[in-house]
Amino acid sequence: MTKFDPDIHDDNPPMDAAFMAGMKPSRRGRPKSATPKVEIKIRLDAKTVEHLRGSGPGWQTRVNALLERMVAAGQI
């Protein structure tokens, strides 16, 4: 077994001004949307919610798309 030589195996570079100048802040989570959704509270009939949830994952997205089409068509 060889002795560890820190001059050869330097896993931690010095954190000097040059090193810090190349750093950029980390971005956590999802990127910001150009058209963010607005969270609201709405009260619906239990049967309606049961039916919508029963249609499977993505039901809220599908409801939003349907409402968007109805608004664009002038139906609501």
C-alpha atoms as a PDB file:
ATOM      1  CA  MET A   1       0.000   0.000   0.000  1.00  0.00           C
ATOM      2  CA  THR A   2       1.339   3.449  -0.881  1.00  0.00           C
ATOM      3  CA  LYS A   3       1.197   6.485   1.343  1.00  0.00           C
ATOM      4  CA  PHE A   4      -1.405   9.140   0.477  1.00  0.00           C
ATOM      5  CA  ASP A   5       0.258  12.175  -1.105  1.00  0.00           C
ATOM      6  CA  PRO A   6      -2.012  15.274  -0.911  1.00  0.00           C
ATOM      7  CA  ASP A   7       0.011  17.025  -3.632  1.00  0.00           C
ATOM      8  CA  ILE A   8      -0.979  14.322  -6.116  1.00  0.00           C
ATOM      9  CA  HIS A   9      -4.520  13.525  -4.914  1.00  0.00           C
ATOM     10  CA  ASP A  10      -6.019  16.925  -4.210  1.00  0.00           C
ATOM     11  CA  ASP A  11      -9.778  16.320  -4.299  1.00  0.00           C
ATOM     12  CA  ASN A  12     -10.459  19.663  -2.635  1.00  0.00           C
ATOM     13  CA  PRO A  13      -9.108  22.571  -4.668  1.00  0.00           C
ATOM     14  CA  PRO A  14      -8.466  25.814  -2.806  1.00  0.00           C
ATOM     15  CA  MET A  15     -11.558  28.005  -2.594  1.00  0.00           C
ATOM     16  CA  ASP A  16      -9.855  31.195  -3.630  1.00  0.00           C
ATOM     17  CA  ALA A  17     -11.333  34.130  -5.558  1.00  0.00           C
ATOM     18  CA  ALA A  18     -10.620  32.498  -8.936  1.00  0.00           C
ATOM     19  CA  PHE A  19     -12.443  29.323  -7.906  1.00  0.00           C
ATOM     20  CA  MET A  20     -15.403  31.231  -6.464  1.00  0.00           C
ATOM     21  CA  ALA A  21     -15.695  33.402  -9.604  1.00  0.00           C
ATOM     22  CA  GLY A  22     -16.538  30.272 -11.610  1.00  0.00           C
ATOM     23  CA  MET A  23     -19.317  29.219  -9.243  1.00  0.00           C
ATOM     24  CA  LYS A  24     -22.971  29.800 -10.003  1.00  0.00           C
ATOM     25  CA  PRO A  25     -25.962  29.320  -7.701  1.00  0.00           C
ATOM     26  CA  SER A  26     -27.664  25.959  -7.869  1.00  0.00           C
ATOM     27  CA  ARG A  27     -31.237  25.842  -9.101  1.00  0.00           C
ATOM     28  CA  ARG A  28     -33.484  23.539  -7.141  1.00  0.00           C
ATOM     29  CA  GLY A  29     -36.900  22.282  -8.122  1.00  0.00           C
ATOM     30  CA  ARG A  30     -38.775  22.815 -11.339  1.00  0.00           C
ATOM     31  CA  PRO A  31     -37.858  25.663 -13.665  1.00  0.00           C
ATOM     32  CA  LYS A  32     -40.163  28.679 -13.521  1.00  0.00           C
ATOM     33  CA  SER A  33     -43.040  28.417 -15.980  1.00  0.00           C
ATOM     34  CA  ALA A  34     -43.678  31.173 -18.503  1.00  0.00           C
ATOM     35  CA  THR A  35     -47.395  30.693 -17.800  1.00  0.00           C
ATOM     36  CA  PRO A  36     -47.670  29.635 -14.145  1.00  0.00           C
ATOM     37  CA  LYS A  37     -50.837  28.045 -12.813  1.00  0.00           C
ATOM     38  CA  VAL A  38     -52.908  29.800 -10.154  1.00  0.00           C
ATOM     39  CA  GLU A  39     -53.917  27.723  -7.158  1.00  0.00           C
ATOM     40  CA  ILE A  40     -57.587  28.150  -6.243  1.00  0.00           C
ATOM     41  CA  LYS A  41     -60.107  26.497  -3.992  1.00  0.00           C
ATOM     42  CA  ILE A  42     -63.303  25.325  -5.624  1.00  0.00           C
ATOM     43  CA  ARG A  43     -66.176  23.315  -4.200  1.00  0.00           C
ATOM     44  CA  LEU A  44     -67.611  20.612  -6.476  1.00  0.00           C
ATOM     45  CA  ASP A  45     -70.213  17.900  -6.006  1.00  0.00           C
ATOM     46  CA  ALA A  46     -68.777  14.680  -4.568  1.00  0.00           C
ATOM     47  CA  LYS A  47     -70.039  12.633  -7.558  1.00  0.00           C
ATOM     48  CA  THR A  48     -68.312  15.019  -9.969  1.00  0.00           C
ATOM     49  CA  VAL A  49     -64.984  14.767  -8.148  1.00  0.00           C
ATOM     50  CA  GLU A  50     -65.304  10.985  -7.870  1.00  0.00           C
ATOM     51  CA  HIS A  51     -65.902  10.735 -11.608  1.00  0.00           C
ATOM     52  CA  LEU A  52     -62.992  13.035 -12.460  1.00  0.00           C
ATOM     53  CA  ARG A  53     -60.552  11.258 -10.136  1.00  0.00           C
ATOM     54  CA  GLY A  54     -61.780   7.930 -11.493  1.00  0.00           C
ATOM     55  CA  SER A  55     -60.584   8.929 -14.955  1.00  0.00           C
ATOM     56  CA  GLY A  56     -57.017   8.334 -13.731  1.00  0.00           C
ATOM     57  CA  PRO A  57     -53.853  10.323 -13.183  1.00  0.00           C
ATOM     58  CA  GLY A  58     -53.739  13.715 -14.853  1.00  0.00           C
ATOM     59  CA  TRP A  59     -57.414  14.438 -14.313  1.00  0.00           C
ATOM     60  CA  GLN A  60     -56.748  17.989 -13.121  1.00  0.00           C
ATOM     61  CA  THR A  61     -54.703  18.710 -16.251  1.00  0.00           C
ATOM     62  CA  ARG A  62     -57.499  17.339 -18.432  1.00  0.00           C
ATOM     63  CA  VAL A  63     -60.116  19.458 -16.636  1.00  0.00           C
ATOM     64  CA  ASN A  64     -57.914  22.530 -17.123  1.00  0.00           C
ATOM     65  CA  ALA A  65     -57.533  21.763 -20.848  1.00  0.00           C
ATOM     66  CA  LEU A  66     -61.305  21.321 -21.236  1.00  0.00           C
ATOM     67  CA  LEU A  67     -62.025  24.608 -19.460  1.00  0.00           C
ATOM     68  CA  GLU A  68     -59.390  26.348 -21.580  1.00  0.00           C
ATOM     69  CA  ARG A  69     -61.050  25.094 -24.805  1.00  0.00           C
ATOM     70  CA  MET A  70     -64.479  26.176 -23.568  1.00  0.00           C
ATOM     71  CA  VAL A  71     -63.206  29.680 -22.721  1.00  0.00           C
ATOM     72  CA  ALA A  72     -61.513  29.968 -26.146  1.00  0.00           C
ATOM     73  CA  ALA A  73     -64.745  28.903 -27.860  1.00  0.00           C
ATOM     74  CA  GLY A  74     -66.774  31.427 -25.868  1.00  0.00           C
ATOM     75  CA  GLN A  75     -68.844  28.721 -24.218  1.00  0.00           C
ATOM     76  CA  ILE A  76     -68.106  29.988 -20.711  1.00  0.00           C
END
